[in-house]
Amino acid sequence: MARNITKYFLTVAVVLLVSELAWHSDRLGGFVAALPLATVLALIWLCVENQPEQKISNHARYTFWYGIPTLPMVLAFPVLLPRIGFRPSLSACLLLSLF
């Protein structure tokens, strides 16, 4: 139970950190958001939970391959945002990531 609470706390802390940094500095917020913090935390939790090395390795590999479809999204969003607004831009980018 304590381990789950710790995991939740650290995960929320990362999201809040990125949000607060982005509030003060777009560049710094983007930099921290681009860091693989979630992946590093997930790898640490898998290790702490005594998962097999193959499972940890697979997680890292799949994170790479599933990260590639997000690249067009982060490039398209700044272009679409001033033209069509936030919600339509986000929706279009999410759909773009799926295909």
N, C-alpha and C. Protein backbone atom coordinates (compact mmCIF):
# COMPACT_ATOMS: atom_id res chain seq x y z
N MET A 1 0.82 -1.19 0.00
CA MET A 1 0.00 0.00 0.00
C MET A 1 0.87 1.27 0.00
N ALA A 2 1.91 1.26 0.84
CA ALA A 2 2.80 2.43 0.90
C ALA A 2 3.52 2.62 -0.43
N ARG A 3 3.87 1.52 -1.09
CA ARG A 3 4.55 1.61 -2.37
C ARG A 3 3.64 2.27 -3.41
N ASN A 4 2.37 1.90 -3.43
CA ASN A 4 1.44 2.51 -4.39
C ASN A 4 1.26 3.99 -4.10
N ILE A 5 1.15 4.35 -2.84
CA ILE A 5 1.01 5.77 -2.49
C ILE A 5 2.24 6.54 -2.94
N THR A 6 3.42 5.96 -2.75
CA THR A 6 4.66 6.61 -3.19
C THR A 6 4.67 6.77 -4.71
N LYS A 7 4.25 5.73 -5.42
CA LYS A 7 4.21 5.80 -6.88
C LYS A 7 3.26 6.91 -7.33
N TYR A 8 2.09 6.97 -6.74
CA TYR A 8 1.11 8.00 -7.11
C TYR A 8 1.65 9.40 -6.81
N PHE A 9 2.27 9.55 -5.64
CA PHE A 9 2.81 10.84 -5.25
C PHE A 9 3.89 11.31 -6.22
N LEU A 10 4.81 10.44 -6.57
CA LEU A 10 5.89 10.82 -7.49
C LEU A 10 5.35 11.14 -8.88
N THR A 11 4.38 10.36 -9.33
CA THR A 11 3.80 10.60 -10.65
C THR A 11 3.10 11.96 -10.68
N VAL A 12 2.31 12.24 -9.67
CA VAL A 12 1.63 13.54 -9.59
C VAL A 12 2.66 14.66 -9.48
N ALA A 13 3.71 14.44 -8.73
CA ALA A 13 4.75 15.46 -8.57
C ALA A 13 5.40 15.80 -9.91
N VAL A 14 5.64 14.81 -10.74
CA VAL A 14 6.24 15.06 -12.07
C VAL A 14 5.30 15.90 -12.92
N VAL A 15 4.02 15.54 -12.94
CA VAL A 15 3.04 16.29 -13.74
C VAL A 15 2.93 17.73 -13.23
N LEU A 16 2.86 17.89 -11.92
CA LEU A 16 2.78 19.24 -11.35
C LEU A 16 4.05 20.04 -11.62
N LEU A 17 5.20 19.40 -11.55
CA LEU A 17 6.46 20.09 -11.84
C LEU A 17 6.46 20.63 -13.27
N VAL A 18 6.08 19.80 -14.22
CA VAL A 18 6.04 20.24 -15.62
C VAL A 18 5.05 21.38 -15.78
N SER A 19 3.89 21.24 -15.17
CA SER A 19 2.86 22.27 -15.27
C SER A 19 3.34 23.60 -14.70
N GLU A 20 3.94 23.57 -13.53
CA GLU A 20 4.43 24.80 -12.90
C GLU A 20 5.59 25.41 -13.69
N LEU A 21 6.49 24.58 -14.15
CA LEU A 21 7.61 25.10 -14.94
C LEU A 21 7.11 25.74 -16.24
N ALA A 22 6.13 25.10 -16.88
CA ALA A 22 5.57 25.65 -18.12
C ALA A 22 4.86 26.97 -17.85
N TRP A 23 4.28 27.11 -16.67
CA TRP A 23 3.60 28.36 -16.31
C TRP A 23 4.59 29.52 -16.29
N HIS A 24 5.79 29.25 -15.80
CA HIS A 24 6.79 30.30 -15.66
C HIS A 24 7.69 30.45 -16.88
N SER A 25 7.97 29.33 -17.55
CA SER A 25 8.87 29.38 -18.70
C SER A 25 8.46 28.30 -19.71
N ASP A 26 8.01 28.73 -20.88
CA ASP A 26 7.62 27.77 -21.92
C ASP A 26 8.78 26.85 -22.27
N ARG A 27 9.94 27.42 -22.40
CA ARG A 27 11.11 26.64 -22.81
C ARG A 27 11.50 25.60 -21.75
N LEU A 28 11.54 26.02 -20.49
CA LEU A 28 11.91 25.10 -19.42
C LEU A 28 10.84 24.02 -19.22
N GLY A 29 9.57 24.42 -19.30
CA GLY A 29 8.48 23.45 -19.18
C GLY A 29 8.54 22.41 -20.29
N GLY A 30 8.81 22.86 -21.51
CA GLY A 30 8.92 21.94 -22.63
C GLY A 30 10.12 21.01 -22.49
N PHE A 31 11.21 21.57 -21.99
CA PHE A 31 12.41 20.75 -21.79
C PHE A 31 12.16 19.63 -20.79
N VAL A 32 11.58 19.97 -19.65
CA VAL A 32 11.32 18.96 -18.62
C VAL A 32 10.27 17.96 -19.11
N ALA A 33 9.26 18.43 -19.84
CA ALA A 33 8.24 17.53 -20.37
C ALA A 33 8.85 16.55 -21.37
N ALA A 34 9.88 16.98 -22.09
CA ALA A 34 10.50 16.12 -23.09
C ALA A 34 11.42 15.08 -22.47
N LEU A 35 11.82 15.31 -21.24
CA LEU A 35 12.66 14.31 -20.57
C LEU A 35 11.85 13.03 -20.35
N PRO A 36 12.50 11.91 -20.42
CA PRO A 36 11.77 10.65 -20.26
C PRO A 36 11.50 10.30 -18.79
N LEU A 37 10.97 11.27 -18.04
CA LEU A 37 10.75 11.06 -16.60
C LEU A 37 9.77 9.93 -16.33
N ALA A 38 8.67 9.90 -17.09
CA ALA A 38 7.67 8.84 -16.87
C ALA A 38 8.27 7.47 -17.16
N THR A 39 9.06 7.38 -18.21
CA THR A 39 9.68 6.11 -18.56
C THR A 39 10.69 5.68 -17.49
N VAL A 40 11.49 6.62 -17.03
CA VAL A 40 12.47 6.29 -15.99
C VAL A 40 11.75 5.83 -14.72
N LEU A 41 10.70 6.54 -14.33
CA LEU A 41 9.94 6.12 -13.15
C LEU A 41 9.35 4.73 -13.34
N ALA A 42 8.78 4.48 -14.52
CA ALA A 42 8.19 3.16 -14.78
C ALA A 42 9.25 2.07 -14.70
N LEU A 43 10.43 2.32 -15.27
CA LEU A 43 11.50 1.32 -15.22
C LEU A 43 11.94 1.07 -13.78
N ILE A 44 12.03 2.14 -13.01
CA ILE A 44 12.39 1.98 -11.59
C ILE A 44 11.34 1.17 -10.86
N TRP A 45 10.06 1.48 -11.08
CA TRP A 45 8.99 0.74 -10.38
C TRP A 45 8.98 -0.73 -10.79
N LEU A 46 9.21 -1.00 -12.06
CA LEU A 46 9.27 -2.40 -12.49
C LEU A 46 10.41 -3.14 -11.79
N CYS A 47 11.55 -2.48 -11.65
CA CYS A 47 12.69 -3.09 -10.97
C CYS A 47 12.39 -3.30 -9.49
N VAL A 48 11.84 -2.27 -8.84
CA VAL A 48 11.52 -2.37 -7.41
C VAL A 48 10.51 -3.49 -7.15
N GLU A 49 9.61 -3.69 -8.11
CA GLU A 49 8.59 -4.74 -7.96
C GLU A 49 9.10 -6.10 -8.41
N ASN A 50 10.41 -6.22 -8.61
CA ASN A 50 11.07 -7.48 -8.96
C ASN A 50 10.51 -8.12 -10.24
N GLN A 51 10.25 -7.29 -11.23
CA GLN A 51 9.81 -7.81 -12.52
C GLN A 51 11.03 -8.38 -13.24
N PRO A 52 10.82 -9.37 -14.10
CA PRO A 52 11.95 -9.95 -14.84
C PRO A 52 12.61 -8.91 -15.75
N GLU A 53 13.89 -9.09 -15.97
CA GLU A 53 14.63 -8.16 -16.84
C GLU A 53 14.03 -8.07 -18.23
N GLN A 54 13.52 -9.19 -18.73
CA GLN A 54 12.91 -9.19 -20.06
C GLN A 54 11.70 -8.26 -20.12
N LYS A 55 10.89 -8.24 -19.07
CA LYS A 55 9.73 -7.36 -19.01
C LYS A 55 10.16 -5.90 -18.98
N ILE A 56 11.20 -5.60 -18.20
CA ILE A 56 11.71 -4.23 -18.12
C ILE A 56 12.28 -3.81 -19.48
N SER A 57 13.02 -4.69 -20.11
CA SER A 57 13.58 -4.43 -21.43
C SER A 57 12.49 -4.20 -22.46
N ASN A 58 11.46 -5.04 -22.44
CA ASN A 58 10.33 -4.88 -23.37
C ASN A 58 9.65 -3.54 -23.17
N HIS A 59 9.50 -3.13 -21.92
CA HIS A 59 8.85 -1.83 -21.66
C HIS A 59 9.63 -0.70 -22.31
N ALA A 60 10.95 -0.71 -22.16
CA ALA A 60 11.78 0.33 -22.76
C ALA A 60 11.68 0.30 -24.29
N ARG A 61 11.71 -0.89 -24.87
CA ARG A 61 11.63 -1.03 -26.32
C ARG A 61 10.29 -0.50 -26.85
N TYR A 62 9.20 -0.91 -26.21
CA TYR A 62 7.88 -0.48 -26.66
C TYR A 62 7.67 1.01 -26.45
N THR A 63 8.26 1.57 -25.41
CA THR A 63 8.17 3.01 -25.20
C THR A 63 8.79 3.75 -26.38
N PHE A 64 9.89 3.25 -26.87
CA PHE A 64 10.52 3.87 -28.04
C PHE A 64 9.58 3.81 -29.25
N TRP A 65 9.08 2.62 -29.55
CA TRP A 65 8.26 2.47 -30.75
C TRP A 65 6.93 3.19 -30.65
N TYR A 66 6.36 3.29 -29.46
CA TYR A 66 5.09 4.01 -29.31
C TYR A 66 5.31 5.51 -29.22
N GLY A 67 6.55 5.94 -28.97
CA GLY A 67 6.84 7.36 -28.92
C GLY A 67 6.96 7.99 -30.29
N ILE A 68 7.32 7.22 -31.27
CA ILE A 68 7.50 7.75 -32.63
C ILE A 68 6.22 8.40 -33.18
N PRO A 69 5.04 7.79 -33.00
CA PRO A 69 3.83 8.44 -33.53
C PRO A 69 3.50 9.78 -32.88
N THR A 70 4.07 10.09 -31.73
CA THR A 70 3.78 11.38 -31.11
C THR A 70 4.56 12.52 -31.74
N LEU A 71 5.61 12.22 -32.49
CA LEU A 71 6.43 13.28 -33.07
C LEU A 71 5.64 14.18 -34.03
N PRO A 72 4.84 13.63 -34.97
CA PRO A 72 4.04 14.54 -35.80
C PRO A 72 3.06 15.38 -34.98
N MET A 73 2.56 14.80 -33.89
CA MET A 73 1.61 15.53 -33.06
C MET A 73 2.24 16.79 -32.48
N VAL A 74 3.43 16.65 -31.90
CA VAL A 74 4.04 17.82 -31.27
C VAL A 74 4.54 18.83 -32.29
N LEU A 75 4.71 18.41 -33.53
CA LEU A 75 5.07 19.36 -34.59
C LEU A 75 3.84 20.06 -35.16
N ALA A 76 2.73 19.33 -35.28
CA ALA A 76 1.51 19.89 -35.86
C ALA A 76 0.77 20.81 -34.89
N PHE A 77 0.82 20.51 -33.61
CA PHE A 77 0.03 21.28 -32.64
C PHE A 77 0.33 22.78 -32.67
N PRO A 78 1.59 23.20 -32.63
CA PRO A 78 1.84 24.65 -32.65
C PRO A 78 1.39 25.32 -33.95
N VAL A 79 1.36 24.57 -35.05
CA VAL A 79 0.91 25.13 -36.32
C VAL A 79 -0.61 25.27 -36.33
N LEU A 80 -1.31 24.25 -35.81
CA LEU A 80 -2.77 24.26 -35.83
C LEU A 80 -3.39 25.19 -34.80
N LEU A 81 -2.77 25.32 -33.66
CA LEU A 81 -3.35 26.07 -32.54
C LEU A 81 -3.81 27.48 -32.90
N PRO A 82 -2.98 28.31 -33.52
CA PRO A 82 -3.46 29.66 -33.84
C PRO A 82 -4.52 29.69 -34.94
N ARG A 83 -4.58 28.63 -35.73
CA ARG A 83 -5.51 28.60 -36.85
C ARG A 83 -6.90 28.10 -36.47
N ILE A 84 -6.96 27.05 -35.63
CA ILE A 84 -8.27 26.44 -35.36
C ILE A 84 -8.62 26.36 -33.87
N GLY A 85 -7.74 26.81 -32.98
CA GLY A 85 -8.04 26.81 -31.56
C GLY A 85 -7.54 25.56 -30.85
N PHE A 86 -7.66 25.60 -29.52
CA PHE A 86 -7.07 24.54 -28.69
C PHE A 86 -7.74 23.19 -28.88
N ARG A 87 -9.03 23.11 -28.62
CA ARG A 87 -9.69 21.80 -28.66
C ARG A 87 -9.64 21.13 -30.03
N PRO A 88 -9.93 21.84 -31.10
CA PRO A 88 -9.80 21.19 -32.41
C PRO A 88 -8.36 20.78 -32.73
N SER A 89 -7.40 21.60 -32.32
CA SER A 89 -5.99 21.26 -32.56
C SER A 89 -5.61 20.01 -31.80
N LEU A 90 -5.98 19.95 -30.54
CA LEU A 90 -5.65 18.78 -29.73
C LEU A 90 -6.33 17.53 -30.29
N SER A 91 -7.59 17.66 -30.68
CA SER A 91 -8.30 16.51 -31.25
C SER A 91 -7.64 16.04 -32.54
N ALA A 92 -7.30 16.99 -33.41
CA ALA A 92 -6.66 16.63 -34.68
C ALA A 92 -5.31 15.95 -34.43
N CYS A 93 -4.57 16.45 -33.48
CA CYS A 93 -3.25 15.88 -33.19
C CYS A 93 -3.37 14.49 -32.57
N LEU A 94 -4.35 14.29 -31.72
CA LEU A 94 -4.58 12.95 -31.17
C LEU A 94 -4.94 11.97 -32.27
N LEU A 95 -5.80 12.40 -33.18
CA LEU A 95 -6.15 11.53 -34.32
C LEU A 95 -4.94 11.26 -35.19
N LEU A 96 -4.12 12.28 -35.40
CA LEU A 96 -2.90 12.13 -36.20
C LEU A 96 -1.98 11.08 -35.57
N SER A 97 -1.92 11.08 -34.25
CA SER A 97 -1.06 10.11 -33.55
C SER A 97 -1.56 8.68 -33.69
N LEU A 98 -2.85 8.53 -33.86
CA LEU A 98 -3.42 7.19 -33.99
C LEU A 98 -3.16 6.56 -35.36
N PHE A 99 -2.95 7.41 -36.37
CA PHE A 99 -2.80 6.89 -37.73
C PHE A 99 -1.44 7.08 -38.22
